[in-house]
């Protein structure tokens, strides 16, 4: 019997036409219901004042008076501007991502909620630059027009690969925001650093959700999911950095401030994610990816 390749049976974003209907395979029904249950568990704990209670309001929770009273230097300004620029590609992230996940209800619901949380990130960074006096409204408008001329394209081609990517990318983004916060604290911009902390906290929860979905994929197709993890790890790039105005100079500034480097990405984001998914190390992941024989699909062995 031919091994069922879950990734191949799950259409990418180009598979959806305006009037098309796609029936779900039995494994997709079960998987989608489990993902939906997991999403609502995350969502309810997020909303619950006695749970995670991690909803925050830009105008209420960031101390804007403190931000206004602590001007930030050009180094930190450029870094925040670069982060804001990446967040400005949210329309591309949201639109192209939802096309991947529309087939499975839980993934689609999560992506809509993720998009809502992400839109606050770009807005908070914009206001940090504006209210600190680091950039004028006109300067920000001119910069954003430069950014919006570019279009971000999804780096991988199947929903499962994109989930693997998201699990690693959100881990890296959380780490990067934490280092940006350190840079702010080192120059005494505590109000700015506290604002960045709200954004950083969202990212770590996003990572946890995507990581748990990858774990679930492993139950259905261990070898195929491992293969996707290897493929994503070996071809990983942070989103949209290459699309930024003066991308080379901005990436050098990020590296100079210990925010982005290939070693950091590998050692502090990709490898910890692989271990948190359940692999002892990268060698074990590769070993599983190279395994031949049986896989598990919807709880049943297939040869």
Foldseek 3Di string as FASTA:
>chain_A
DDADQPQVVQAALVVDDPPDDDDDDPLLVVLLVVLQVVLVVLVVLCVDPPHVVLDDDLVPPQPLVLLQVAADDPLLLLLLLLVLLLLLLLVQCLPNLLSQVVVRVSSNVVSVVVSVLSVVSSVNSVVSCDSNVVDHPVRSVVQNVLSVVDHWDDPDGHNLLVLLLLLLQLQLVLQLLLLSLVVCVVSPSNSSSVSSVSSSVVSVSSNVSSLVSLLVVCQAFVQSSLLSLVVCVVVPDHTPLVSHVVSVVSVVSCVVSVRDDPVCSVPRGSFVSVVVSPAPTNVRSVVSNPDDDWTHHPRDTDD
